[in-house]
Amino acid sequence: MTVTKSHIIHKHFRLDSAKLKRAQKVLDAATETETVERALDLAISEFERNRIVEEANQKFLKSGISIRDVYGVLSK
């Protein structure tokens, strides 16, 4: 993941206050702004992890490896 220089901007959102407070507690964030920042960071990192896993799965499938079901329970 590449890191770019941050540009702080002002945005106004209508958010569920109970959900925001719950996220603040779960993320151990001091402020609501920090809560939103941490939640965004988590969403971005989760996307990157999923992308990397998908690439690895595709490489594995394209490698031509043969998978045997030693228990005989998988159908073809």
PDB file of N, CA and C in Angstrom:
ATOM      1  N   MET A   1       0.838  -1.167   0.000  1.00  0.00           N
ATOM      2  CA  MET A   1       0.000   0.000   0.000  1.00  0.00           C
ATOM      3  C   MET A   1       0.888   1.237   0.000  1.00  0.00           C
ATOM      4  N   THR A   2       0.620   2.157  -0.887  1.00  0.00           N
ATOM      5  CA  THR A   2       1.410   3.369  -0.951  1.00  0.00           C
ATOM      6  C   THR A   2       0.841   4.414   0.012  1.00  0.00           C
ATOM      7  N   VAL A   3       1.736   5.179   0.563  1.00  0.00           N
ATOM      8  CA  VAL A   3       1.330   6.222   1.495  1.00  0.00           C
ATOM      9  C   VAL A   3       1.477   7.560   0.779  1.00  0.00           C
ATOM     10  N   THR A   4       0.410   8.326   0.805  1.00  0.00           N
ATOM     11  CA  THR A   4       0.448   9.644   0.183  1.00  0.00           C
ATOM     12  C   THR A   4       0.324  10.707   1.268  1.00  0.00           C
ATOM     13  N   LYS A   5       0.717  11.915   0.922  1.00  0.00           N
ATOM     14  CA  LYS A   5       0.625  13.014   1.868  1.00  0.00           C
ATOM     15  C   LYS A   5      -0.846  13.300   2.162  1.00  0.00           C
ATOM     16  N   SER A   6      -1.170  13.447   3.431  1.00  0.00           N
ATOM     17  CA  SER A   6      -2.544  13.691   3.847  1.00  0.00           C
ATOM     18  C   SER A   6      -2.935  15.138   3.609  1.00  0.00           C
ATOM     19  N   HIS A   7      -4.148  15.289   3.210  1.00  0.00           N
ATOM     20  CA  HIS A   7      -4.741  16.617   3.068  1.00  0.00           C
ATOM     21  C   HIS A   7      -5.998  16.611   3.924  1.00  0.00           C
ATOM     22  N   ILE A   8      -5.989  17.393   4.974  1.00  0.00           N
ATOM     23  CA  ILE A   8      -7.122  17.454   5.887  1.00  0.00           C
ATOM     24  C   ILE A   8      -8.188  18.348   5.280  1.00  0.00           C
ATOM     25  N   ILE A   9      -9.408  17.823   5.217  1.00  0.00           N
ATOM     26  CA  ILE A   9     -10.536  18.592   4.691  1.00  0.00           C
ATOM     27  C   ILE A   9     -11.687  18.523   5.691  1.00  0.00           C
ATOM     28  N   HIS A  10     -12.566  19.463   5.632  1.00  0.00           N
ATOM     29  CA  HIS A  10     -13.731  19.491   6.509  1.00  0.00           C
ATOM     30  C   HIS A  10     -14.915  18.877   5.779  1.00  0.00           C
ATOM     31  N   LYS A  11     -15.546  17.911   6.426  1.00  0.00           N
ATOM     32  CA  LYS A  11     -16.731  17.268   5.880  1.00  0.00           C
ATOM     33  C   LYS A  11     -17.799  17.251   6.959  1.00  0.00           C
ATOM     34  N   HIS A  12     -19.018  17.249   6.558  1.00  0.00           N
ATOM     35  CA  HIS A  12     -20.128  17.181   7.500  1.00  0.00           C
ATOM     36  C   HIS A  12     -20.960  15.954   7.158  1.00  0.00           C
ATOM     37  N   PHE A  13     -21.144  15.081   8.145  1.00  0.00           N
ATOM     38  CA  PHE A  13     -21.874  13.839   7.952  1.00  0.00           C
ATOM     39  C   PHE A  13     -23.010  13.743   8.955  1.00  0.00           C
ATOM     40  N   ARG A  14     -24.038  13.048   8.554  1.00  0.00           N
ATOM     41  CA  ARG A  14     -25.113  12.691   9.466  1.00  0.00           C
ATOM     42  C   ARG A  14     -24.890  11.230   9.821  1.00  0.00           C
ATOM     43  N   LEU A  15     -24.502  10.978  11.074  1.00  0.00           N
ATOM     44  CA  LEU A  15     -24.153   9.631  11.521  1.00  0.00           C
ATOM     45  C   LEU A  15     -25.027   9.206  12.687  1.00  0.00           C
ATOM     46  N   ASP A  16     -25.217   7.915  12.803  1.00  0.00           N
ATOM     47  CA  ASP A  16     -25.922   7.333  13.932  1.00  0.00           C
ATOM     48  C   ASP A  16     -25.033   7.508  15.167  1.00  0.00           C
ATOM     49  N   SER A  17     -25.494   8.289  16.140  1.00  0.00           N
ATOM     50  CA  SER A  17     -24.651   8.618  17.298  1.00  0.00           C
ATOM     51  C   SER A  17     -24.330   7.377  18.138  1.00  0.00           C
ATOM     52  N   ALA A  18     -25.271   6.460  18.257  1.00  0.00           N
ATOM     53  CA  ALA A  18     -25.009   5.246  19.036  1.00  0.00           C
ATOM     54  C   ALA A  18     -23.944   4.393  18.355  1.00  0.00           C
ATOM     55  N   LYS A  19     -24.023   4.300  17.036  1.00  0.00           N
ATOM     56  CA  LYS A  19     -23.035   3.519  16.287  1.00  0.00           C
ATOM     57  C   LYS A  19     -21.658   4.170  16.383  1.00  0.00           C
ATOM     58  N   LEU A  20     -21.614   5.490  16.304  1.00  0.00           N
ATOM     59  CA  LEU A  20     -20.350   6.204  16.405  1.00  0.00           C
ATOM     60  C   LEU A  20     -19.734   6.011  17.793  1.00  0.00           C
ATOM     61  N   LYS A  21     -20.527   6.109  18.845  1.00  0.00           N
ATOM     62  CA  LYS A  21     -20.017   5.914  20.198  1.00  0.00           C
ATOM     63  C   LYS A  21     -19.539   4.482  20.407  1.00  0.00           C
ATOM     64  N   ARG A  22     -20.271   3.512  19.842  1.00  0.00           N
ATOM     65  CA  ARG A  22     -19.859   2.106  19.966  1.00  0.00           C
ATOM     66  C   ARG A  22     -18.524   1.891  19.249  1.00  0.00           C
ATOM     67  N   ALA A  23     -18.397   2.453  18.037  1.00  0.00           N
ATOM     68  CA  ALA A  23     -17.141   2.334  17.292  1.00  0.00           C
ATOM     69  C   ALA A  23     -16.007   3.019  18.040  1.00  0.00           C
ATOM     70  N   GLN A  24     -16.288   4.150  18.654  1.00  0.00           N
ATOM     71  CA  GLN A  24     -15.272   4.877  19.411  1.00  0.00           C
ATOM     72  C   GLN A  24     -14.761   4.022  20.561  1.00  0.00           C
ATOM     73  N   LYS A  25     -15.662   3.327  21.219  1.00  0.00           N
ATOM     74  CA  LYS A  25     -15.268   2.462  22.328  1.00  0.00           C
ATOM     75  C   LYS A  25     -14.472   1.264  21.817  1.00  0.00           C
ATOM     76  N   VAL A  26     -14.969   0.626  20.761  1.00  0.00           N
ATOM     77  CA  VAL A  26     -14.308  -0.560  20.206  1.00  0.00           C
ATOM     78  C   VAL A  26     -12.914  -0.223  19.684  1.00  0.00           C
ATOM     79  N   LEU A  27     -12.784   0.926  19.038  1.00  0.00           N
ATOM     80  CA  LEU A  27     -11.505   1.334  18.456  1.00  0.00           C
ATOM     81  C   LEU A  27     -10.606   2.051  19.462  1.00  0.00           C
ATOM     82  N   ASP A  28     -11.103   2.250  20.664  1.00  0.00           N
ATOM     83  CA  ASP A  28     -10.356   2.934  21.721  1.00  0.00           C
ATOM     84  C   ASP A  28      -9.845   4.287  21.235  1.00  0.00           C
ATOM     85  N   ALA A  29     -10.748   5.021  20.602  1.00  0.00           N
ATOM     86  CA  ALA A  29     -10.402   6.336  20.067  1.00  0.00           C
ATOM     87  C   ALA A  29     -10.819   7.423  21.058  1.00  0.00           C
ATOM     88  N   ALA A  30     -10.009   8.461  21.136  1.00  0.00           N
ATOM     89  CA  ALA A  30     -10.273   9.545  22.080  1.00  0.00           C
ATOM     90  C   ALA A  30     -11.376  10.488  21.586  1.00  0.00           C
ATOM     91  N   THR A  31     -11.451  10.678  20.281  1.00  0.00           N
ATOM     92  CA  THR A  31     -12.423  11.611  19.719  1.00  0.00           C
ATOM     93  C   THR A  31     -13.224  10.944  18.604  1.00  0.00           C
ATOM     94  N   GLU A  32     -14.305  11.594  18.212  1.00  0.00           N
ATOM     95  CA  GLU A  32     -15.113  11.081  17.109  1.00  0.00           C
ATOM     96  C   GLU A  32     -14.329  11.141  15.795  1.00  0.00           C
ATOM     97  N   THR A  33     -13.533  12.176  15.636  1.00  0.00           N
ATOM     98  CA  THR A  33     -12.711  12.284  14.430  1.00  0.00           C
ATOM     99  C   THR A  33     -11.717  11.141  14.352  1.00  0.00           C
ATOM    100  N   GLU A  34     -11.072  10.845  15.465  1.00  0.00           N
ATOM    101  CA  GLU A  34     -10.132   9.728  15.507  1.00  0.00           C
ATOM    102  C   GLU A  34     -10.847   8.409  15.216  1.00  0.00           C
ATOM    103  N   THR A  35     -12.084   8.295  15.688  1.00  0.00           N
ATOM    104  CA  THR A  35     -12.879   7.095  15.422  1.00  0.00           C
ATOM    105  C   THR A  35     -13.092   6.906  13.929  1.00  0.00           C
ATOM    106  N   VAL A  36     -13.489   7.951  13.255  1.00  0.00           N
ATOM    107  CA  VAL A  36     -13.726   7.876  11.812  1.00  0.00           C
ATOM    108  C   VAL A  36     -12.423   7.581  11.078  1.00  0.00           C
ATOM    109  N   GLU A  37     -11.324   8.220  11.488  1.00  0.00           N
ATOM    110  CA  GLU A  37     -10.015   7.970  10.866  1.00  0.00           C
ATOM    111  C   GLU A  37      -9.605   6.510  11.011  1.00  0.00           C
ATOM    112  N   ARG A  38      -9.745   5.963  12.209  1.00  0.00           N
ATOM    113  CA  ARG A  38      -9.365   4.566  12.448  1.00  0.00           C
ATOM    114  C   ARG A  38     -10.257   3.615  11.654  1.00  0.00           C
ATOM    115  N   ALA A  39     -11.549   3.921  11.595  1.00  0.00           N
ATOM    116  CA  ALA A  39     -12.467   3.072  10.845  1.00  0.00           C
ATOM    117  C   ALA A  39     -12.116   3.083   9.356  1.00  0.00           C
ATOM    118  N   LEU A  40     -11.763   4.243   8.827  1.00  0.00           N
ATOM    119  CA  LEU A  40     -11.350   4.334   7.425  1.00  0.00           C
ATOM    120  C   LEU A  40     -10.057   3.554   7.185  1.00  0.00           C
ATOM    121  N   ASP A  41      -9.108   3.679   8.100  1.00  0.00           N
ATOM    122  CA  ASP A  41      -7.855   2.927   7.985  1.00  0.00           C
ATOM    123  C   ASP A  41      -8.117   1.427   7.983  1.00  0.00           C
ATOM    124  N   LEU A  42      -9.021   0.972   8.850  1.00  0.00           N
ATOM    125  CA  LEU A  42      -9.365  -0.448   8.895  1.00  0.00           C
ATOM    126  C   LEU A  42     -10.013  -0.908   7.589  1.00  0.00           C
ATOM    127  N   ALA A  43     -10.901  -0.099   7.043  1.00  0.00           N
ATOM    128  CA  ALA A  43     -11.568  -0.457   5.785  1.00  0.00           C
ATOM    129  C   ALA A  43     -10.560  -0.557   4.648  1.00  0.00           C
ATOM    130  N   ILE A  44      -9.630   0.371   4.592  1.00  0.00           N
ATOM    131  CA  ILE A  44      -8.610   0.368   3.539  1.00  0.00           C
ATOM    132  C   ILE A  44      -7.689  -0.835   3.686  1.00  0.00           C
ATOM    133  N   SER A  45      -7.252  -1.129   4.913  1.00  0.00           N
ATOM    134  CA  SER A  45      -6.346  -2.259   5.105  1.00  0.00           C
ATOM    135  C   SER A  45      -7.054  -3.585   4.821  1.00  0.00           C
ATOM    136  N   GLU A  46      -8.330  -3.684   5.154  1.00  0.00           N
ATOM    137  CA  GLU A  46      -9.098  -4.896   4.866  1.00  0.00           C
ATOM    138  C   GLU A  46      -9.218  -5.105   3.350  1.00  0.00           C
ATOM    139  N   PHE A  47      -9.469  -4.033   2.627  1.00  0.00           N
ATOM    140  CA  PHE A  47      -9.534  -4.115   1.166  1.00  0.00           C
ATOM    141  C   PHE A  47      -8.208  -4.599   0.599  1.00  0.00           C
ATOM    142  N   GLU A  48      -7.101  -4.057   1.093  1.00  0.00           N
ATOM    143  CA  GLU A  48      -5.777  -4.452   0.606  1.00  0.00           C
ATOM    144  C   GLU A  48      -5.490  -5.919   0.912  1.00  0.00           C
ATOM    145  N   ARG A  49      -5.831  -6.366   2.121  1.00  0.00           N
ATOM    146  CA  ARG A  49      -5.652  -7.784   2.469  1.00  0.00           C
ATOM    147  C   ARG A  49      -6.449  -8.678   1.543  1.00  0.00           C
ATOM    148  N   ASN A  50      -7.698  -8.313   1.299  1.00  0.00           N
ATOM    149  CA  ASN A  50      -8.544  -9.111   0.406  1.00  0.00           C
ATOM    150  C   ASN A  50      -7.984  -9.155  -1.010  1.00  0.00           C
ATOM    151  N   ARG A  51      -7.448  -8.033  -1.481  1.00  0.00           N
ATOM    152  CA  ARG A  51      -6.867  -7.971  -2.822  1.00  0.00           C
ATOM    153  C   ARG A  51      -5.651  -8.889  -2.923  1.00  0.00           C
ATOM    154  N   ILE A  52      -4.808  -8.867  -1.912  1.00  0.00           N
ATOM    155  CA  ILE A  52      -3.602  -9.706  -1.906  1.00  0.00           C
ATOM    156  C   ILE A  52      -3.976 -11.181  -1.852  1.00  0.00           C
ATOM    157  N   VAL A  53      -4.961 -11.525  -1.037  1.00  0.00           N
ATOM    158  CA  VAL A  53      -5.409 -12.916  -0.943  1.00  0.00           C
ATOM    159  C   VAL A  53      -5.988 -13.371  -2.277  1.00  0.00           C
ATOM    160  N   GLU A  54      -6.773 -12.526  -2.912  1.00  0.00           N
ATOM    161  CA  GLU A  54      -7.354 -12.884  -4.213  1.00  0.00           C
ATOM    162  C   GLU A  54      -6.265 -13.116  -5.259  1.00  0.00           C
ATOM    163  N   GLU A  55      -5.247 -12.272  -5.270  1.00  0.00           N
ATOM    164  CA  GLU A  55      -4.129 -12.456  -6.206  1.00  0.00           C
ATOM    165  C   GLU A  55      -3.419 -13.782  -5.937  1.00  0.00           C
ATOM    166  N   ALA A  56      -3.200 -14.105  -4.667  1.00  0.00           N
ATOM    167  CA  ALA A  56      -2.542 -15.362  -4.317  1.00  0.00           C
ATOM    168  C   ALA A  56      -3.400 -16.552  -4.731  1.00  0.00           C
ATOM    169  N   ASN A  57      -4.702 -16.465  -4.521  1.00  0.00           N
ATOM    170  CA  ASN A  57      -5.599 -17.545  -4.930  1.00  0.00           C
ATOM    171  C   ASN A  57      -5.563 -17.749  -6.444  1.00  0.00           C
ATOM    172  N   GLN A  58      -5.561 -16.667  -7.179  1.00  0.00           N
ATOM    173  CA  GLN A  58      -5.521 -16.772  -8.641  1.00  0.00           C
ATOM    174  C   GLN A  58      -4.213 -17.402  -9.110  1.00  0.00           C
ATOM    175  N   LYS A  59      -3.099 -17.016  -8.500  1.00  0.00           N
ATOM    176  CA  LYS A  59      -1.812 -17.628  -8.850  1.00  0.00           C
ATOM    177  C   LYS A  59      -1.828 -19.117  -8.549  1.00  0.00           C
ATOM    178  N   PHE A  60      -2.402 -19.479  -7.408  1.00  0.00           N
ATOM    179  CA  PHE A  60      -2.490 -20.880  -7.017  1.00  0.00           C
ATOM    180  C   PHE A  60      -3.320 -21.662  -8.029  1.00  0.00           C
ATOM    181  N   LEU A  61      -4.473 -21.126  -8.402  1.00  0.00           N
ATOM    182  CA  LEU A  61      -5.342 -21.817  -9.351  1.00  0.00           C
ATOM    183  C   LEU A  61      -4.702 -21.945 -10.732  1.00  0.00           C
ATOM    184  N   LYS A  62      -3.976 -20.913 -11.153  1.00  0.00           N
ATOM    185  CA  LYS A  62      -3.330 -20.928 -12.470  1.00  0.00           C
ATOM    186  C   LYS A  62      -2.065 -21.775 -12.495  1.00  0.00           C
ATOM    187  N   SER A  63      -1.570 -22.182 -11.330  1.00  0.00           N
ATOM    188  CA  SER A  63      -0.330 -22.955 -11.272  1.00  0.00           C
ATOM    189  C   SER A  63      -0.504 -24.370 -11.809  1.00  0.00           C
ATOM    190  N   GLY A  64      -1.761 -24.814 -11.916  1.00  0.00           N
ATOM    191  CA  GLY A  64      -2.019 -26.145 -12.436  1.00  0.00           C
ATOM    192  C   GLY A  64      -1.876 -27.247 -11.417  1.00  0.00           C
ATOM    193  N   ILE A  65      -1.784 -26.890 -10.171  1.00  0.00           N
ATOM    194  CA  ILE A  65      -1.625 -27.895  -9.129  1.00  0.00           C
ATOM    195  C   ILE A  65      -2.885 -28.766  -9.060  1.00  0.00           C
ATOM    196  N   SER A  66      -2.686 -30.015  -8.752  1.00  0.00           N
ATOM    197  CA  SER A  66      -3.792 -30.949  -8.621  1.00  0.00           C
ATOM    198  C   SER A  66      -4.065 -31.183  -7.144  1.00  0.00           C
ATOM    199  N   ILE A  67      -5.306 -31.031  -6.745  1.00  0.00           N
ATOM    200  CA  ILE A  67      -5.688 -31.223  -5.350  1.00  0.00           C
ATOM    201  C   ILE A  67      -6.466 -32.525  -5.250  1.00  0.00           C
ATOM    202  N   ARG A  68      -5.978 -33.411  -4.396  1.00  0.00           N
ATOM    203  CA  ARG A  68      -6.658 -34.692  -4.191  1.00  0.00           C
ATOM    204  C   ARG A  68      -7.464 -34.632  -2.910  1.00  0.00           C
ATOM    205  N   ASP A  69      -8.638 -35.225  -2.948  1.00  0.00           N
ATOM    206  CA  ASP A  69      -9.467 -35.338  -1.773  1.00  0.00           C
ATOM    207  C   ASP A  69      -9.232 -36.713  -1.171  1.00  0.00           C
ATOM    208  N   VAL A  70      -8.394 -36.787  -0.153  1.00  0.00           N
ATOM    209  CA  VAL A  70      -8.027 -38.083   0.408  1.00  0.00           C
ATOM    210  C   VAL A  70      -9.189 -38.750   1.135  1.00  0.00           C
ATOM    211  N   TYR A  71     -10.218 -37.983   1.474  1.00  0.00           N
ATOM    212  CA  TYR A  71     -11.371 -38.557   2.168  1.00  0.00           C
ATOM    213  C   TYR A  71     -12.508 -38.909   1.222  1.00  0.00           C
ATOM    214  N   GLY A  72     -12.437 -38.441  -0.031  1.00  0.00           N
ATOM    215  CA  GLY A  72     -13.455 -38.752  -1.020  1.00  0.00           C
ATOM    216  C   GLY A  72     -14.786 -38.068  -0.779  1.00  0.00           C
ATOM    217  N   VAL A  73     -14.762 -36.871  -0.182  1.00  0.00           N
ATOM    218  CA  VAL A  73     -16.026 -36.182   0.086  1.00  0.00           C
ATOM    219  C   VAL A  73     -16.284 -34.980  -0.834  1.00  0.00           C
ATOM    220  N   LEU A  74     -15.275 -34.532  -1.533  1.00  0.00           N
ATOM    221  CA  LEU A  74     -15.459 -33.406  -2.440  1.00  0.00           C
ATOM    222  C   LEU A  74     -15.950 -33.909  -3.784  1.00  0.00           C
ATOM    223  N   SER A  75     -16.936 -33.215  -4.326  1.00  0.00           N
ATOM    224  CA  SER A  75     -17.424 -33.593  -5.646  1.00  0.00           C
ATOM    225  C   SER A  75     -16.725 -32.761  -6.702  1.00  0.00           C
ATOM    226  N   LYS A  76     -16.635 -33.301  -7.902  1.00  0.00           N
ATOM    227  CA  LYS A  76     -15.963 -32.577  -8.995  1.00  0.00           C
ATOM    228  C   LYS A  76     -16.952 -31.880  -9.876  1.00  0.00           C
TER     229      LYS A  76
END
